[in-house]
């Protein structure tokens, strides 16, 4: 009986660990992807505001 319970506990523990790892991996990837995209988008927009298409600073003659 103890062996059956131990085996059942092991199955549940490993399933729990797998789902926890998957959830952490997904949320971490999503957060990194979103923040990276936002940072790249913001810095690109700022660069577009400061520099013109030729690479010269706007407002500088």
N, C-alpha and C. Protein backbone atom coordinates (compact mmCIF):
# COMPACT_ATOMS: atom_id res chain seq x y z
N UNK A 1 0.82 -1.20 0.00
CA UNK A 1 0.00 0.00 0.00
C UNK A 1 0.87 1.26 0.00
N UNK A 2 1.93 1.25 0.80
CA UNK A 2 2.81 2.42 0.87
C UNK A 2 3.46 2.68 -0.49
N UNK A 3 3.85 1.61 -1.17
CA UNK A 3 4.49 1.76 -2.47
C UNK A 3 3.54 2.38 -3.48
N UNK A 4 2.27 1.98 -3.42
CA UNK A 4 1.28 2.55 -4.33
C UNK A 4 1.10 4.04 -4.07
N UNK A 5 1.03 4.38 -2.77
CA UNK A 5 0.87 5.80 -2.41
C UNK A 5 2.12 6.59 -2.81
N UNK A 6 3.28 6.02 -2.60
CA UNK A 6 4.52 6.69 -2.97
C UNK A 6 4.58 6.92 -4.48
N UNK A 7 4.17 5.90 -5.24
CA UNK A 7 4.16 6.03 -6.69
C UNK A 7 3.17 7.08 -7.16
N UNK A 8 2.01 7.11 -6.54
CA UNK A 8 0.99 8.11 -6.88
C UNK A 8 1.48 9.52 -6.55
N UNK A 9 2.12 9.65 -5.39
CA UNK A 9 2.67 10.95 -4.99
C UNK A 9 3.74 11.41 -5.97
N UNK A 10 4.59 10.49 -6.39
CA UNK A 10 5.66 10.82 -7.34
C UNK A 10 5.06 11.30 -8.66
N UNK A 11 4.00 10.64 -9.12
CA UNK A 11 3.35 11.06 -10.37
C UNK A 11 2.78 12.46 -10.23
N UNK A 12 2.12 12.70 -9.13
CA UNK A 12 1.50 14.02 -8.92
C UNK A 12 2.56 15.10 -8.76
N UNK A 13 3.63 14.79 -8.05
CA UNK A 13 4.70 15.77 -7.84
C UNK A 13 5.36 16.16 -9.16
N UNK A 14 5.66 15.16 -9.97
CA UNK A 14 6.34 15.46 -11.23
C UNK A 14 5.40 16.21 -12.17
N UNK A 15 4.12 15.87 -12.17
CA UNK A 15 3.17 16.60 -13.02
C UNK A 15 3.06 18.04 -12.55
N UNK A 16 3.08 18.25 -11.24
CA UNK A 16 3.00 19.60 -10.70
C UNK A 16 4.24 20.40 -11.08
N UNK A 17 5.40 19.77 -10.96
CA UNK A 17 6.65 20.44 -11.32
C UNK A 17 6.67 20.82 -12.79
N UNK A 18 6.19 19.91 -13.63
CA UNK A 18 6.18 20.18 -15.07
C UNK A 18 5.28 21.36 -15.38
N UNK A 19 4.07 21.36 -14.81
CA UNK A 19 3.16 22.46 -15.11
C UNK A 19 3.68 23.78 -14.55
N UNK A 20 4.32 23.74 -13.39
CA UNK A 20 4.88 24.95 -12.80
C UNK A 20 6.01 25.48 -13.69
N UNK A 21 6.89 24.57 -14.14
CA UNK A 21 7.99 24.97 -15.01
C UNK A 21 7.48 25.56 -16.32
N UNK A 22 6.45 24.93 -16.88
CA UNK A 22 5.89 25.44 -18.13
C UNK A 22 5.29 26.82 -17.93
N UNK A 23 4.55 26.98 -16.84
CA UNK A 23 3.93 28.28 -16.57
C UNK A 23 4.99 29.35 -16.37
N UNK A 24 6.02 29.04 -15.63
CA UNK A 24 7.09 30.02 -15.41
C UNK A 24 7.81 30.35 -16.71
N UNK A 25 8.07 29.32 -17.50
CA UNK A 25 8.75 29.53 -18.78
C UNK A 25 7.93 30.40 -19.71
N UNK A 26 6.64 30.13 -19.79
CA UNK A 26 5.78 30.90 -20.69
C UNK A 26 5.67 32.34 -20.22
N UNK A 27 5.43 32.54 -18.92
CA UNK A 27 5.26 33.91 -18.44
C UNK A 27 6.57 34.69 -18.56
N UNK A 28 7.70 34.03 -18.32
CA UNK A 28 8.99 34.71 -18.43
C UNK A 28 9.24 35.11 -19.89
N UNK A 29 8.98 34.17 -20.81
CA UNK A 29 9.19 34.47 -22.22
C UNK A 29 8.27 35.59 -22.70
N UNK A 30 7.02 35.55 -22.26
CA UNK A 30 6.09 36.59 -22.68
C UNK A 30 6.52 37.94 -22.13
N UNK A 31 6.91 37.96 -20.87
CA UNK A 31 7.31 39.23 -20.26
C UNK A 31 8.56 39.79 -20.94
N UNK A 32 9.53 38.92 -21.20
CA UNK A 32 10.75 39.37 -21.87
C UNK A 32 10.45 39.85 -23.29
N UNK A 33 9.61 39.11 -23.98
CA UNK A 33 9.27 39.49 -25.35
C UNK A 33 8.55 40.82 -25.40
N UNK A 34 7.60 41.01 -24.49
CA UNK A 34 6.83 42.25 -24.47
C UNK A 34 7.72 43.42 -24.09
N UNK A 35 8.50 43.27 -23.02
CA UNK A 35 9.33 44.39 -22.59
C UNK A 35 10.40 44.72 -23.63
N UNK A 36 10.95 43.68 -24.28
CA UNK A 36 11.97 43.92 -25.31
C UNK A 36 11.34 44.66 -26.49
N UNK A 37 10.15 44.23 -26.91
CA UNK A 37 9.48 44.89 -28.03
C UNK A 37 9.14 46.32 -27.69
N UNK A 38 8.66 46.55 -26.47
CA UNK A 38 8.32 47.91 -26.06
C UNK A 38 9.56 48.79 -26.03
N UNK A 39 10.64 48.25 -25.46
CA UNK A 39 11.87 49.03 -25.37
C UNK A 39 12.40 49.35 -26.76
N UNK A 40 12.39 48.36 -27.65
CA UNK A 40 12.88 48.60 -29.01
C UNK A 40 11.99 49.61 -29.73
N UNK A 41 10.68 49.47 -29.55
CA UNK A 41 9.76 50.39 -30.21
C UNK A 41 9.94 51.81 -29.71
N UNK A 42 10.09 51.98 -28.40
CA UNK A 42 10.24 53.31 -27.83
C UNK A 42 11.56 53.92 -28.27
N UNK A 43 12.65 53.16 -28.19
CA UNK A 43 13.95 53.73 -28.57
C UNK A 43 13.98 54.05 -30.06
N UNK A 44 13.32 53.25 -30.87
CA UNK A 44 13.29 53.52 -32.30
C UNK A 44 12.50 54.81 -32.57
N UNK A 45 11.36 54.95 -31.88
CA UNK A 45 10.57 56.18 -32.04
C UNK A 45 11.35 57.40 -31.59
N UNK A 46 12.07 57.29 -30.50
CA UNK A 46 12.87 58.42 -30.02
C UNK A 46 13.97 58.75 -31.02
N UNK A 47 14.61 57.73 -31.56
CA UNK A 47 15.67 57.96 -32.54
C UNK A 47 15.10 58.63 -33.79
N UNK A 48 13.91 58.21 -34.21
CA UNK A 48 13.28 58.82 -35.38
C UNK A 48 12.97 60.30 -35.13
N UNK A 49 12.63 60.64 -33.89
CA UNK A 49 12.34 62.03 -33.56
C UNK A 49 13.60 62.89 -33.56
N UNK A 50 14.73 62.30 -33.19
CA UNK A 50 15.97 63.07 -33.05
C UNK A 50 16.74 63.15 -34.37
N UNK A 51 16.74 62.06 -35.13
CA UNK A 51 17.53 62.01 -36.36
C UNK A 51 16.61 61.96 -37.57
N UNK A 52 17.04 62.60 -38.65
CA UNK A 52 16.26 62.52 -39.88
C UNK A 52 16.69 61.27 -40.65
N UNK A 53 16.12 61.08 -41.83
CA UNK A 53 16.38 59.86 -42.59
C UNK A 53 17.85 59.71 -42.99
N UNK A 54 18.55 60.80 -43.17
CA UNK A 54 19.96 60.73 -43.57
C UNK A 54 20.90 60.51 -42.41
N UNK A 55 20.37 60.49 -41.19
CA UNK A 55 21.21 60.25 -40.02
C UNK A 55 21.67 61.52 -39.34
N UNK A 56 21.34 62.68 -39.94
CA UNK A 56 21.74 63.94 -39.31
C UNK A 56 20.75 64.28 -38.21
N UNK A 57 21.26 64.97 -37.18
CA UNK A 57 20.36 65.37 -36.09
C UNK A 57 19.40 66.44 -36.60
N UNK A 58 18.16 66.31 -36.22
CA UNK A 58 17.17 67.30 -36.61
C UNK A 58 17.47 68.62 -35.90
N UNK A 59 17.25 69.72 -36.58
CA UNK A 59 17.44 71.04 -35.98
C UNK A 59 18.88 71.52 -36.01
N UNK A 60 19.79 70.70 -36.51
CA UNK A 60 21.20 71.10 -36.60
C UNK A 60 21.50 71.41 -38.04
N UNK A 61 22.08 72.56 -38.27
CA UNK A 61 22.35 72.96 -39.65
C UNK A 61 23.78 72.71 -40.02
